[in-house]
Amino acid sequence: MTLPSLPQRTFCMIRHGQTTANRDSIVAGATDVPLSDLGREQASKLSSLSWKQKTSLFVSPKMRAKDTCQLAFPGRGFEIHDDLRERNWGEFEGKLVSELPSRHAEPKDGDTWDELLARVHKAISECCAKAEDDTLPVFVCHAGVIRAAMVLAGVGNDAPSAPNAKPLFFLWAGTSHEMTDQLTDSLTA
């Protein structure tokens, strides 16, 4: 599969805070699970970050992402984009994470990796087009969505799962994206 290009601009992705399923090592891609107490704390800590640049917030429809965004950006409006939802693992939903097959597997009643890549590309492209030129698009979403974005950007084909509640910047460097967890032009702690 030839991967489509992502928009030629910098954007940020934040995985939701820890969920009860993350805590218990349970697969919950399509399952709507709440944040754990630690996850709520992680998300709340994001509110202390000072964003130097105006941001546009785009969020998965899953409760864990919406709650993270509300805690991280209190009082701010955000746009829900359905294609930012996590991968549906079909027959593996509710099972232990250790039982998951490779991401290239095609789980019965679930999403394929290629379907996730196409959906994530569409979401990022549409949201970046909606964000004004002087704003930083910020996506509050899921580990699988971020991994797909990394692959699409060519910055992490075999990267580990994104950490919970930590901004990851996809910096447009003129010819390609570079990924970093620090972007001093946009964020101060």
Protein backbone atom coordinates (compact mmCIF):
# COMPACT_ATOMS: atom_id res chain seq x y z
CA MET A 1 0.00 0.00 0.00
CA THR A 2 1.31 3.42 -0.97
CA LEU A 3 0.77 5.77 1.94
CA PRO A 4 -0.84 9.14 1.25
CA SER A 5 0.94 12.30 2.37
CA LEU A 6 -0.16 14.13 5.49
CA PRO A 7 -0.79 17.89 5.41
CA GLN A 8 2.37 19.96 5.24
CA ARG A 9 2.01 21.59 8.63
CA THR A 10 2.91 20.98 12.25
CA PHE A 11 0.30 19.34 14.47
CA CYS A 12 0.13 17.78 17.93
CA MET A 13 -1.38 14.50 19.10
CA ILE A 14 -2.19 13.61 22.70
CA ARG A 15 -3.22 10.13 23.80
CA HIS A 16 -6.00 10.16 26.39
CA GLY A 17 -5.13 9.60 30.05
CA GLN A 18 -4.88 6.10 31.45
CA THR A 19 -8.18 4.19 31.32
CA THR A 20 -9.46 1.39 33.49
CA ALA A 21 -8.75 -0.94 30.54
CA ASN A 22 -5.16 0.36 30.20
CA ARG A 23 -4.67 -0.17 33.93
CA ASP A 24 -5.96 -3.74 33.70
CA SER A 25 -4.19 -4.57 30.37
CA ILE A 26 -7.52 -5.15 28.60
CA VAL A 27 -8.12 -4.43 24.89
CA ALA A 28 -10.72 -1.67 24.58
CA GLY A 29 -10.33 -0.11 21.16
CA ALA A 30 -14.00 0.25 20.26
CA THR A 31 -15.20 -0.22 23.83
CA ASP A 32 -16.01 3.08 25.54
CA VAL A 33 -14.16 2.87 28.86
CA PRO A 34 -13.65 5.64 31.45
CA LEU A 35 -10.43 7.22 32.63
CA SER A 36 -8.94 5.72 35.76
CA ASP A 37 -8.16 7.97 38.73
CA LEU A 38 -4.57 8.15 37.48
CA GLY A 39 -5.83 9.00 33.99
CA ARG A 40 -7.91 11.89 35.31
CA GLU A 41 -4.84 13.13 37.21
CA GLN A 42 -2.65 12.83 34.08
CA ALA A 43 -5.18 14.75 31.98
CA SER A 44 -5.60 17.45 34.63
CA LYS A 45 -1.82 18.01 34.74
CA LEU A 46 -1.93 18.92 31.04
CA SER A 47 -3.97 22.02 31.97
CA SER A 48 -0.84 23.54 33.56
CA LEU A 49 0.96 23.64 30.20
CA SER A 50 1.16 27.04 28.60
CA TRP A 51 0.59 26.95 24.86
CA LYS A 52 2.37 29.84 23.17
CA GLN A 53 0.44 29.30 19.97
CA LYS A 54 -3.33 29.37 19.48
CA THR A 55 -4.69 25.81 19.27
CA SER A 56 -7.62 24.14 17.52
CA LEU A 57 -8.83 21.06 19.40
CA PHE A 58 -10.06 17.92 17.62
CA VAL A 59 -11.19 14.94 19.67
CA SER A 60 -12.19 11.32 19.28
CA PRO A 61 -15.85 10.61 20.12
CA LYS A 62 -14.80 8.16 22.85
CA MET A 63 -15.49 9.24 26.43
CA ARG A 64 -11.85 8.80 27.46
CA ALA A 65 -10.66 11.28 24.83
CA LYS A 66 -13.43 13.82 25.47
CA ASP A 67 -12.82 13.69 29.24
CA THR A 68 -9.07 14.10 28.72
CA CYS A 69 -9.63 17.14 26.50
CA GLN A 70 -12.03 18.74 28.99
CA LEU A 71 -9.56 18.24 31.85
CA ALA A 72 -6.52 19.33 29.81
CA PHE A 73 -8.18 22.36 28.22
CA PRO A 74 -10.84 23.44 30.77
CA GLY A 75 -13.54 25.69 29.41
CA ARG A 76 -12.35 25.30 25.81
CA GLY A 77 -14.54 24.15 22.96
CA PHE A 78 -13.46 21.26 20.77
CA GLU A 79 -14.64 19.50 17.65
CA ILE A 80 -15.40 15.79 17.71
CA HIS A 81 -14.21 13.91 14.63
CA ASP A 82 -15.50 10.34 14.38
CA ASP A 83 -12.48 9.16 12.39
CA LEU A 84 -10.19 9.87 15.37
CA ARG A 85 -11.73 6.89 17.22
CA GLU A 86 -9.50 3.98 18.18
CA ARG A 87 -9.21 0.83 16.11
CA ASN A 88 -11.95 -1.72 16.63
CA TRP A 89 -10.20 -4.99 17.54
CA GLY A 90 -13.36 -7.04 16.93
CA GLU A 91 -13.01 -10.50 18.45
CA PHE A 92 -10.14 -9.28 20.67
CA GLU A 93 -12.15 -6.54 22.43
CA GLY A 94 -12.22 -7.28 26.16
CA LYS A 95 -9.33 -9.75 26.01
CA LEU A 96 -5.88 -9.28 27.50
CA VAL A 97 -3.51 -7.01 25.56
CA SER A 98 -1.02 -9.91 25.56
CA GLU A 99 -3.45 -11.82 23.30
CA LEU A 100 -3.49 -9.17 20.56
CA PRO A 101 -2.13 -10.24 17.17
CA SER A 102 0.18 -7.99 15.13
CA ARG A 103 -1.31 -4.75 13.92
CA HIS A 104 -1.34 -6.16 10.37
CA ALA A 105 -3.76 -8.90 11.39
CA GLU A 106 -7.38 -8.68 10.29
CA PRO A 107 -9.46 -9.36 13.41
CA LYS A 108 -12.91 -10.84 12.84
CA ASP A 109 -15.54 -8.07 13.12
CA GLY A 110 -12.79 -5.46 13.53
CA ASP A 111 -10.86 -2.84 11.57
CA THR A 112 -7.89 -3.73 9.40
CA TRP A 113 -4.64 -1.79 9.69
CA ASP A 114 -5.15 -0.35 6.19
CA GLU A 115 -8.65 0.83 7.16
CA LEU A 116 -7.21 2.56 10.22
CA LEU A 117 -4.48 4.24 8.17
CA ALA A 118 -7.03 5.54 5.65
CA ARG A 119 -9.36 6.79 8.39
CA VAL A 120 -6.58 8.54 10.32
CA HIS A 121 -5.27 10.18 7.14
CA LYS A 122 -8.76 11.48 6.38
CA ALA A 123 -9.24 12.81 9.93
CA ILE A 124 -5.89 14.61 10.10
CA SER A 125 -6.35 16.08 6.60
CA GLU A 126 -9.88 17.31 7.28
CA CYS A 127 -9.05 18.76 10.70
CA CYS A 128 -5.87 20.49 9.51
CA ALA A 129 -7.88 22.05 6.66
CA LYS A 130 -10.39 23.42 9.22
CA ALA A 131 -7.71 24.87 11.51
CA GLU A 132 -6.67 28.42 10.73
CA ASP A 133 -3.14 28.88 9.39
CA ASP A 134 -1.90 30.52 12.59
CA THR A 135 -3.23 27.78 14.88
CA LEU A 136 -1.76 24.47 15.97
CA PRO A 137 -4.13 21.54 15.37
CA VAL A 138 -4.20 19.40 18.54
CA PHE A 139 -5.72 15.91 18.36
CA VAL A 140 -6.81 14.18 21.57
CA CYS A 141 -7.17 10.56 20.58
CA HIS A 142 -5.74 7.06 21.03
CA ALA A 143 -2.51 5.06 20.83
CA GLY A 144 -3.54 3.27 17.63
CA VAL A 145 -4.49 6.54 15.94
CA ILE A 146 -1.15 8.07 16.93
CA ARG A 147 0.74 4.99 15.72
CA ALA A 148 -1.07 5.25 12.37
CA ALA A 149 -0.14 8.95 12.18
CA MET A 150 3.49 8.05 12.89
CA VAL A 151 3.49 5.55 10.04
CA LEU A 152 1.79 8.02 7.69
CA ALA A 153 4.34 10.69 8.63
CA GLY A 154 7.24 8.26 8.21
CA VAL A 155 8.49 8.85 11.75
CA GLY A 156 7.83 5.63 13.62
CA ASN A 157 6.98 2.44 11.80
CA ASP A 158 7.87 0.29 14.81
CA ALA A 159 7.55 2.85 17.59
CA PRO A 160 6.16 1.79 20.96
CA SER A 161 2.72 2.91 22.06
CA ALA A 162 2.34 6.62 22.71
CA PRO A 163 2.43 7.48 26.41
CA ASN A 164 -0.80 8.57 28.07
CA ALA A 165 -1.48 12.31 28.31
CA LYS A 166 1.76 13.55 26.75
CA PRO A 167 1.81 15.94 23.78
CA LEU A 168 3.64 14.55 20.73
CA PHE A 169 4.45 17.07 18.02
CA PHE A 170 4.62 16.21 14.34
CA LEU A 171 6.85 19.07 13.22
CA TRP A 172 6.71 19.94 9.52
CA ALA A 173 10.37 20.43 8.57
CA GLY A 174 9.85 21.67 5.02
CA THR A 175 10.08 18.31 3.25
CA SER A 176 8.88 15.83 5.86
CA HIS A 177 7.56 15.51 9.41
CA GLU A 178 9.79 15.00 12.43
CA MET A 179 8.32 13.86 15.72
CA THR A 180 9.28 15.28 19.09
CA ASP A 181 7.79 15.53 22.57
CA GLN A 182 9.19 19.06 22.95
CA LEU A 183 8.29 22.00 20.73
CA THR A 184 9.51 25.16 22.41
CA ASP A 185 7.83 27.43 19.85
CA SER A 186 4.40 26.12 20.90
CA LEU A 187 4.61 25.00 24.49
CA THR A 188 6.17 25.85 27.81
CA ALA A 189 5.84 23.79 30.97
